């Protein structure tokens, strides 16, 4: 699964919206395949609902909060790396 976030109120030096993303895996319960959906028939909203249910509301909230923090760090860095010399 991939979760993306975008801040359309702030742009980077190239004029692109500030973004953040996270990537991971999620196991789904397949013990009952009585309601099996063929891959070609999958809808994004259905898959999203399955993944969110598999992760649980607290984990979904934590992931979204983490992305918000990444965007905030990009907009207002708490540290900056500098190189001295050539």
PDB file of N, CA and C in Angstrom:
ATOM      1  N   UNK A   1       0.831  -1.163   0.000  1.00  0.00           N
ATOM      2  CA  UNK A   1       0.000   0.000   0.000  1.00  0.00           C
ATOM      3  C   UNK A   1       0.880   1.232   0.000  1.00  0.00           C
ATOM      4  N   UNK A   2       0.395   2.274  -0.604  1.00  0.00           N
ATOM      5  CA  UNK A   2       1.097   3.551  -0.615  1.00  0.00           C
ATOM      6  C   UNK A   2       0.090   4.609  -0.210  1.00  0.00           C
ATOM      7  N   UNK A   3       0.522   5.470   0.724  1.00  0.00           N
ATOM      8  CA  UNK A   3      -0.313   6.576   1.167  1.00  0.00           C
ATOM      9  C   UNK A   3       0.415   7.866   0.822  1.00  0.00           C
ATOM     10  N   UNK A   4      -0.245   8.735   0.079  1.00  0.00           N
ATOM     11  CA  UNK A   4       0.341   9.995  -0.353  1.00  0.00           C
ATOM     12  C   UNK A   4      -0.396  11.161   0.286  1.00  0.00           C
ATOM     13  N   UNK A   5       0.352  12.228   0.559  1.00  0.00           N
ATOM     14  CA  UNK A   5      -0.239  13.459   1.073  1.00  0.00           C
ATOM     15  C   UNK A   5       0.345  14.622   0.280  1.00  0.00           C
ATOM     16  N   UNK A   6      -0.440  15.662   0.104  1.00  0.00           N
ATOM     17  CA  UNK A   6      -0.010  16.824  -0.664  1.00  0.00           C
ATOM     18  C   UNK A   6      -0.539  18.088   0.005  1.00  0.00           C
ATOM     19  N   UNK A   7       0.321  19.088   0.102  1.00  0.00           N
ATOM     20  CA  UNK A   7      -0.076  20.390   0.641  1.00  0.00           C
ATOM     21  C   UNK A   7      -0.144  21.351  -0.531  1.00  0.00           C
ATOM     22  N   UNK A   8      -1.346  21.640  -0.988  1.00  0.00           N
ATOM     23  CA  UNK A   8      -1.475  22.506  -2.165  1.00  0.00           C
ATOM     24  C   UNK A   8      -1.338  23.986  -1.816  1.00  0.00           C
ATOM     25  N   UNK A   9      -1.087  24.289  -0.544  1.00  0.00           N
ATOM     26  CA  UNK A   9      -0.884  25.675  -0.137  1.00  0.00           C
ATOM     27  C   UNK A   9       0.581  26.065  -0.067  1.00  0.00           C
ATOM     28  N   UNK A  10       1.479  25.100  -0.235  1.00  0.00           N
ATOM     29  CA  UNK A  10       2.918  25.363  -0.159  1.00  0.00           C
ATOM     30  C   UNK A  10       3.620  24.655  -1.306  1.00  0.00           C
ATOM     31  N   UNK A  11       4.537  25.372  -1.943  1.00  0.00           N
ATOM     32  CA  UNK A  11       5.275  24.811  -3.074  1.00  0.00           C
ATOM     33  C   UNK A  11       6.768  24.765  -2.768  1.00  0.00           C
ATOM     34  N   UNK A  12       7.458  23.845  -3.450  1.00  0.00           N
ATOM     35  CA  UNK A  12       8.906  23.767  -3.336  1.00  0.00           C
ATOM     36  C   UNK A  12       9.545  24.793  -4.266  1.00  0.00           C
ATOM     37  N   UNK A  13      10.867  24.777  -4.358  1.00  0.00           N
ATOM     38  CA  UNK A  13      11.592  25.755  -5.169  1.00  0.00           C
ATOM     39  C   UNK A  13      11.222  25.686  -6.645  1.00  0.00           C
ATOM     40  N   UNK A  14      10.737  24.535  -7.099  1.00  0.00           N
ATOM     41  CA  UNK A  14      10.351  24.365  -8.500  1.00  0.00           C
ATOM     42  C   UNK A  14       8.881  24.687  -8.748  1.00  0.00           C
ATOM     43  N   UNK A  15       8.161  25.101  -7.705  1.00  0.00           N
ATOM     44  CA  UNK A  15       6.751  25.438  -7.853  1.00  0.00           C
ATOM     45  C   UNK A  15       5.800  24.264  -7.729  1.00  0.00           C
ATOM     46  N   UNK A  16       6.327  23.106  -7.325  1.00  0.00           N
ATOM     47  CA  UNK A  16       5.481  21.924  -7.131  1.00  0.00           C
ATOM     48  C   UNK A  16       4.938  21.900  -5.707  1.00  0.00           C
ATOM     49  N   UNK A  17       3.722  21.382  -5.544  1.00  0.00           N
ATOM     50  CA  UNK A  17       3.162  21.248  -4.206  1.00  0.00           C
ATOM     51  C   UNK A  17       4.051  20.351  -3.356  1.00  0.00           C
ATOM     52  N   UNK A  18       4.156  20.674  -2.066  1.00  0.00           N
ATOM     53  CA  UNK A  18       4.918  19.845  -1.137  1.00  0.00           C
ATOM     54  C   UNK A  18       4.165  18.529  -0.944  1.00  0.00           C
ATOM     55  N   UNK A  19       4.878  17.415  -1.041  1.00  0.00           N
ATOM     56  CA  UNK A  19       4.258  16.102  -0.908  1.00  0.00           C
ATOM     57  C   UNK A  19       5.046  15.226   0.066  1.00  0.00           C
ATOM     58  N   UNK A  20       4.404  14.181   0.525  1.00  0.00           N
ATOM     59  CA  UNK A  20       5.052  13.156   1.344  1.00  0.00           C
ATOM     60  C   UNK A  20       4.331  11.852   1.048  1.00  0.00           C
ATOM     61  N   UNK A  21       5.030  10.735   1.217  1.00  0.00           N
ATOM     62  CA  UNK A  21       4.389   9.444   1.008  1.00  0.00           C
ATOM     63  C   UNK A  21       5.018   8.401   1.914  1.00  0.00           C
ATOM     64  N   UNK A  22       4.284   7.339   2.114  1.00  0.00           N
ATOM     65  CA  UNK A  22       4.783   6.193   2.859  1.00  0.00           C
ATOM     66  C   UNK A  22       4.329   4.943   2.131  1.00  0.00           C
ATOM     67  N   UNK A  23       5.101   3.888   2.281  1.00  0.00           N
ATOM     68  CA  UNK A  23       4.845   2.652   1.541  1.00  0.00           C
ATOM     69  C   UNK A  23       4.961   1.481   2.500  1.00  0.00           C
ATOM     70  N   UNK A  24       4.105   0.506   2.363  1.00  0.00           N
ATOM     71  CA  UNK A  24       4.180  -0.669   3.215  1.00  0.00           C
ATOM     72  C   UNK A  24       3.317  -1.782   2.672  1.00  0.00           C
ATOM     73  N   UNK A  25       3.149  -2.785   3.481  1.00  0.00           N
ATOM     74  CA  UNK A  25       2.321  -3.918   3.101  1.00  0.00           C
ATOM     75  C   UNK A  25       1.219  -4.102   4.132  1.00  0.00           C
ATOM     76  N   UNK A  26       0.192  -4.780   3.727  1.00  0.00           N
ATOM     77  CA  UNK A  26      -0.943  -5.044   4.603  1.00  0.00           C
ATOM     78  C   UNK A  26      -1.492  -6.416   4.252  1.00  0.00           C
ATOM     79  N   UNK A  27      -1.668  -7.247   5.237  1.00  0.00           N
ATOM     80  CA  UNK A  27      -2.261  -8.563   5.019  1.00  0.00           C
ATOM     81  C   UNK A  27      -3.775  -8.453   5.119  1.00  0.00           C
ATOM     82  N   UNK A  28      -4.451  -9.142   4.247  1.00  0.00           N
ATOM     83  CA  UNK A  28      -5.908  -9.151   4.261  1.00  0.00           C
ATOM     84  C   UNK A  28      -6.397 -10.542   4.629  1.00  0.00           C
ATOM     85  N   UNK A  29      -7.501 -10.589   5.336  1.00  0.00           N
ATOM     86  CA  UNK A  29      -8.099 -11.863   5.725  1.00  0.00           C
ATOM     87  C   UNK A  29      -8.741 -12.517   4.498  1.00  0.00           C
ATOM     88  N   UNK A  30      -8.241 -13.672   4.119  1.00  0.00           N
ATOM     89  CA  UNK A  30      -8.781 -14.372   2.943  1.00  0.00           C
ATOM     90  C   UNK A  30      -9.374 -15.727   3.328  1.00  0.00           C
ATOM     91  N   UNK A  31      -9.764 -15.853   4.598  1.00  0.00           N
ATOM     92  CA  UNK A  31     -10.318 -17.123   5.044  1.00  0.00           C
ATOM     93  C   UNK A  31     -11.677 -17.408   4.427  1.00  0.00           C
ATOM     94  N   UNK A  32     -12.415 -16.362   4.059  1.00  0.00           N
ATOM     95  CA  UNK A  32     -13.720 -16.544   3.432  1.00  0.00           C
ATOM     96  C   UNK A  32     -13.686 -15.887   2.054  1.00  0.00           C
ATOM     97  N   UNK A  33     -13.568 -16.690   1.031  1.00  0.00           N
ATOM     98  CA  UNK A  33     -13.514 -16.160  -0.328  1.00  0.00           C
ATOM     99  C   UNK A  33     -14.870 -16.225  -1.013  1.00  0.00           C
ATOM    100  N   UNK A  34     -15.927 -16.336  -0.233  1.00  0.00           N
ATOM    101  CA  UNK A  34     -17.285 -16.387  -0.775  1.00  0.00           C
ATOM    102  C   UNK A  34     -17.678 -15.113  -1.493  1.00  0.00           C
ATOM    103  N   UNK A  35     -17.007 -14.004  -1.148  1.00  0.00           N
ATOM    104  CA  UNK A  35     -17.290 -12.725  -1.806  1.00  0.00           C
ATOM    105  C   UNK A  35     -16.081 -12.279  -2.624  1.00  0.00           C
ATOM    106  N   UNK A  36     -15.367 -13.238  -3.181  1.00  0.00           N
ATOM    107  CA  UNK A  36     -14.177 -12.956  -3.985  1.00  0.00           C
ATOM    108  C   UNK A  36     -14.502 -12.002  -5.132  1.00  0.00           C
ATOM    109  N   UNK A  37     -13.614 -11.031  -5.338  1.00  0.00           N
ATOM    110  CA  UNK A  37     -13.752 -10.077  -6.439  1.00  0.00           C
ATOM    111  C   UNK A  37     -12.571 -10.268  -7.387  1.00  0.00           C
ATOM    112  N   UNK A  38     -12.840 -10.490  -8.643  1.00  0.00           N
ATOM    113  CA  UNK A  38     -11.770 -10.643  -9.631  1.00  0.00           C
ATOM    114  C   UNK A  38     -10.980  -9.335  -9.733  1.00  0.00           C
ATOM    115  N   UNK A  39      -9.678  -9.451  -9.991  1.00  0.00           N
ATOM    116  CA  UNK A  39      -8.804  -8.273 -10.061  1.00  0.00           C
ATOM    117  C   UNK A  39      -9.371  -7.222 -11.010  1.00  0.00           C
ATOM    118  N   UNK A  40      -9.851  -7.643 -12.162  1.00  0.00           N
ATOM    119  CA  UNK A  40     -10.367  -6.708 -13.170  1.00  0.00           C
ATOM    120  C   UNK A  40     -11.591  -5.941 -12.671  1.00  0.00           C
ATOM    121  N   UNK A  41     -12.259  -6.460 -11.658  1.00  0.00           N
ATOM    122  CA  UNK A  41     -13.469  -5.828 -11.136  1.00  0.00           C
ATOM    123  C   UNK A  41     -13.238  -4.988  -9.885  1.00  0.00           C
ATOM    124  N   UNK A  42     -11.997  -4.912  -9.425  1.00  0.00           N
ATOM    125  CA  UNK A  42     -11.697  -4.154  -8.210  1.00  0.00           C
ATOM    126  C   UNK A  42     -11.918  -2.661  -8.426  1.00  0.00           C
ATOM    127  N   UNK A  43     -12.442  -2.024  -7.415  1.00  0.00           N
ATOM    128  CA  UNK A  43     -12.616  -0.573  -7.402  1.00  0.00           C
ATOM    129  C   UNK A  43     -11.662  -0.003  -6.353  1.00  0.00           C
ATOM    130  N   UNK A  44     -11.075   1.145  -6.639  1.00  0.00           N
ATOM    131  CA  UNK A  44     -10.125   1.768  -5.720  1.00  0.00           C
ATOM    132  C   UNK A  44     -10.737   1.948  -4.331  1.00  0.00           C
ATOM    133  N   UNK A  45     -11.959   2.422  -4.271  1.00  0.00           N
ATOM    134  CA  UNK A  45     -12.611   2.661  -2.974  1.00  0.00           C
ATOM    135  C   UNK A  45     -12.744   1.378  -2.166  1.00  0.00           C
ATOM    136  N   UNK A  46     -13.034   0.258  -2.826  1.00  0.00           N
ATOM    137  CA  UNK A  46     -13.156  -1.022  -2.117  1.00  0.00           C
ATOM    138  C   UNK A  46     -11.815  -1.459  -1.542  1.00  0.00           C
ATOM    139  N   UNK A  47     -10.773  -1.372  -2.357  1.00  0.00           N
ATOM    140  CA  UNK A  47      -9.441  -1.776  -1.899  1.00  0.00           C
ATOM    141  C   UNK A  47      -8.989  -0.875  -0.755  1.00  0.00           C
ATOM    142  N   UNK A  48      -9.228   0.420  -0.880  1.00  0.00           N
ATOM    143  CA  UNK A  48      -8.860   1.345   0.186  1.00  0.00           C
ATOM    144  C   UNK A  48      -9.582   0.982   1.481  1.00  0.00           C
ATOM    145  N   UNK A  49     -10.844   0.672   1.401  1.00  0.00           N
ATOM    146  CA  UNK A  49     -11.615   0.287   2.590  1.00  0.00           C
ATOM    147  C   UNK A  49     -11.057  -0.989   3.221  1.00  0.00           C
ATOM    148  N   UNK A  50     -10.681  -1.974   2.395  1.00  0.00           N
ATOM    149  CA  UNK A  50     -10.114  -3.217   2.922  1.00  0.00           C
ATOM    150  C   UNK A  50      -8.797  -2.954   3.648  1.00  0.00           C
ATOM    151  N   UNK A  51      -7.940  -2.139   3.028  1.00  0.00           N
ATOM    152  CA  UNK A  51      -6.639  -1.845   3.636  1.00  0.00           C
ATOM    153  C   UNK A  51      -6.823  -1.078   4.935  1.00  0.00           C
ATOM    154  N   UNK A  52      -7.691  -0.075   4.926  1.00  0.00           N
ATOM    155  CA  UNK A  52      -7.917   0.701   6.150  1.00  0.00           C
ATOM    156  C   UNK A  52      -8.496  -0.180   7.254  1.00  0.00           C
ATOM    157  N   UNK A  53      -9.388  -1.083   6.908  1.00  0.00           N
ATOM    158  CA  UNK A  53      -9.950  -2.005   7.902  1.00  0.00           C
ATOM    159  C   UNK A  53      -8.862  -2.939   8.436  1.00  0.00           C
ATOM    160  N   UNK A  54      -7.989  -3.401   7.544  1.00  0.00           N
ATOM    161  CA  UNK A  54      -6.895  -4.285   7.951  1.00  0.00           C
ATOM    162  C   UNK A  54      -5.899  -3.604   8.870  1.00  0.00           C
ATOM    163  N   UNK A  55      -5.619  -2.338   8.603  1.00  0.00           N
ATOM    164  CA  UNK A  55      -4.678  -1.588   9.430  1.00  0.00           C
ATOM    165  C   UNK A  55      -5.301  -1.175  10.758  1.00  0.00           C
ATOM    166  N   UNK A  56      -6.565  -0.815  10.726  1.00  0.00           N
ATOM    167  CA  UNK A  56      -7.231  -0.292  11.908  1.00  0.00           C
ATOM    168  C   UNK A  56      -7.184   1.224  11.924  1.00  0.00           C
ATOM    169  N   UNK A  57      -8.183   1.812  12.515  1.00  0.00           N
ATOM    170  CA  UNK A  57      -8.322   3.277  12.518  1.00  0.00           C
ATOM    171  C   UNK A  57      -7.133   3.979  13.161  1.00  0.00           C
ATOM    172  N   UNK A  58      -6.602   3.412  14.252  1.00  0.00           N
ATOM    173  CA  UNK A  58      -5.480   4.060  14.935  1.00  0.00           C
ATOM    174  C   UNK A  58      -4.243   4.105  14.052  1.00  0.00           C
ATOM    175  N   UNK A  59      -3.959   3.020  13.335  1.00  0.00           N
ATOM    176  CA  UNK A  59      -2.777   2.982  12.457  1.00  0.00           C
ATOM    177  C   UNK A  59      -2.952   3.923  11.271  1.00  0.00           C
ATOM    178  N   UNK A  60      -4.147   3.984  10.704  1.00  0.00           N
ATOM    179  CA  UNK A  60      -4.411   4.910   9.593  1.00  0.00           C
ATOM    180  C   UNK A  60      -4.187   6.342  10.063  1.00  0.00           C
ATOM    181  N   UNK A  61      -4.702   6.673  11.234  1.00  0.00           N
ATOM    182  CA  UNK A  61      -4.508   8.019  11.790  1.00  0.00           C
ATOM    183  C   UNK A  61      -3.031   8.301  12.023  1.00  0.00           C
ATOM    184  N   UNK A  62      -2.291   7.326  12.552  1.00  0.00           N
ATOM    185  CA  UNK A  62      -0.855   7.504  12.798  1.00  0.00           C
ATOM    186  C   UNK A  62      -0.097   7.734  11.499  1.00  0.00           C
ATOM    187  N   UNK A  63      -0.445   7.003  10.441  1.00  0.00           N
ATOM    188  CA  UNK A  63       0.219   7.184   9.149  1.00  0.00           C
ATOM    189  C   UNK A  63      -0.057   8.577   8.581  1.00  0.00           C
ATOM    190  N   UNK A  64      -1.301   9.010   8.667  1.00  0.00           N
ATOM    191  CA  UNK A  64      -1.656  10.341   8.162  1.00  0.00           C
ATOM    192  C   UNK A  64      -0.967  11.436   8.972  1.00  0.00           C
ATOM    193  N   UNK A  65      -0.890  11.253  10.281  1.00  0.00           N
ATOM    194  CA  UNK A  65      -0.200  12.225  11.144  1.00  0.00           C
ATOM    195  C   UNK A  65       1.279  12.286  10.792  1.00  0.00           C
ATOM    196  N   UNK A  66       1.872  11.133  10.512  1.00  0.00           N
ATOM    197  CA  UNK A  66       3.283  11.080  10.124  1.00  0.00           C
ATOM    198  C   UNK A  66       3.523  11.833   8.819  1.00  0.00           C
ATOM    199  N   UNK A  67       2.625  11.685   7.854  1.00  0.00           N
ATOM    200  CA  UNK A  67       2.772  12.404   6.587  1.00  0.00           C
ATOM    201  C   UNK A  67       2.624  13.911   6.798  1.00  0.00           C
ATOM    202  N   UNK A  68       1.685  14.307   7.649  1.00  0.00           N
ATOM    203  CA  UNK A  68       1.540  15.733   7.965  1.00  0.00           C
ATOM    204  C   UNK A  68       2.826  16.276   8.575  1.00  0.00           C
ATOM    205  N   UNK A  69       3.463  15.490   9.450  1.00  0.00           N
ATOM    206  CA  UNK A  69       4.716  15.908  10.082  1.00  0.00           C
ATOM    207  C   UNK A  69       5.845  16.026   9.061  1.00  0.00           C
ATOM    208  N   UNK A  70       5.895  15.102   8.097  1.00  0.00           N
ATOM    209  CA  UNK A  70       6.915  15.172   7.043  1.00  0.00           C
ATOM    210  C   UNK A  70       6.748  16.437   6.206  1.00  0.00           C
ATOM    211  N   UNK A  71       5.511  16.763   5.884  1.00  0.00           N
ATOM    212  CA  UNK A  71       5.251  17.973   5.104  1.00  0.00           C
ATOM    213  C   UNK A  71       5.635  19.199   5.924  1.00  0.00           C
ATOM    214  N   UNK A  72       5.260  19.235   7.198  1.00  0.00           N
ATOM    215  CA  UNK A  72       5.608  20.368   8.065  1.00  0.00           C
ATOM    216  C   UNK A  72       7.117  20.527   8.173  1.00  0.00           C
ATOM    217  N   UNK A  73       7.840  19.402   8.250  1.00  0.00           N
ATOM    218  CA  UNK A  73       9.305  19.445   8.337  1.00  0.00           C
ATOM    219  C   UNK A  73       9.911  19.990   7.039  1.00  0.00           C
ATOM    220  N   UNK A  74       9.305  19.685   5.922  1.00  0.00           N
ATOM    221  CA  UNK A  74       9.778  20.214   4.644  1.00  0.00           C
ATOM    222  C   UNK A  74       9.549  21.716   4.565  1.00  0.00           C
ATOM    223  N   UNK A  75       8.401  22.160   5.032  1.00  0.00           N
ATOM    224  CA  UNK A  75       8.061  23.583   4.978  1.00  0.00           C
ATOM    225  C   UNK A  75       8.904  24.380   5.960  1.00  0.00           C
ATOM    226  N   UNK A  76       9.039  23.873   7.184  1.00  0.00           N
ATOM    227  CA  UNK A  76       9.782  24.565   8.242  1.00  0.00           C
ATOM    228  C   UNK A  76      10.740  23.566   8.866  1.00  0.00           C
ATOM    229  N   UNK A  77      11.926  23.382   8.273  1.00  0.00           N
ATOM    230  CA  UNK A  77      12.885  22.390   8.788  1.00  0.00           C
ATOM    231  C   UNK A  77      13.338  22.704  10.202  1.00  0.00           C
ATOM    232  N   UNK A  78      13.504  21.655  11.005  1.00  0.00           N
ATOM    233  CA  UNK A  78      14.025  21.831  12.360  1.00  0.00           C
ATOM    234  C   UNK A  78      15.532  21.702  12.375  1.00  0.00           C
ATOM    235  N   UNK A  79      16.133  21.262  11.283  1.00  0.00           N
ATOM    236  CA  UNK A  79      17.592  21.214  11.162  1.00  0.00           C
ATOM    237  C   UNK A  79      17.950  21.370   9.681  1.00  0.00           C
ATOM    238  N   UNK A  80      19.176  21.824   9.457  1.00  0.00           N
ATOM    239  CA  UNK A  80      19.659  22.026   8.099  1.00  0.00           C
ATOM    240  C   UNK A  80      21.085  21.459   8.033  1.00  0.00           C
ATOM    241  N   UNK A  81      21.376  20.699   6.993  1.00  0.00           N
ATOM    242  CA  UNK A  81      22.699  20.155   6.801  1.00  0.00           C
ATOM    243  C   UNK A  81      23.515  21.111   5.947  1.00  0.00           C
ATOM    244  N   UNK A  82      24.699  21.464   6.429  1.00  0.00           N
ATOM    245  CA  UNK A  82      25.596  22.373   5.704  1.00  0.00           C
ATOM    246  C   UNK A  82      26.900  21.639   5.417  1.00  0.00           C
ATOM    247  N   UNK A  83      27.506  21.922   4.290  1.00  0.00           N
ATOM    248  CA  UNK A  83      28.790  21.356   3.931  1.00  0.00           C
ATOM    249  C   UNK A  83      29.837  22.460   3.950  1.00  0.00           C
ATOM    250  N   UNK A  84      30.943  22.204   4.659  1.00  0.00           N
ATOM    251  CA  UNK A  84      32.017  23.185   4.742  1.00  0.00           C
ATOM    252  C   UNK A  84      33.120  22.739   3.812  1.00  0.00           C
ATOM    253  N   UNK A  85      33.616  23.670   3.024  1.00  0.00           N
ATOM    254  CA  UNK A  85      34.691  23.347   2.099  1.00  0.00           C
ATOM    255  C   UNK A  85      34.150  22.889   0.741  1.00  0.00           C
ATOM    256  N   UNK A  86      35.078  22.458  -0.080  1.00  0.00           N
ATOM    257  CA  UNK A  86      34.693  22.071  -1.438  1.00  0.00           C
ATOM    258  C   UNK A  86      34.490  20.625  -1.605  1.00  0.00           C
TER     259      UNK A  86
END
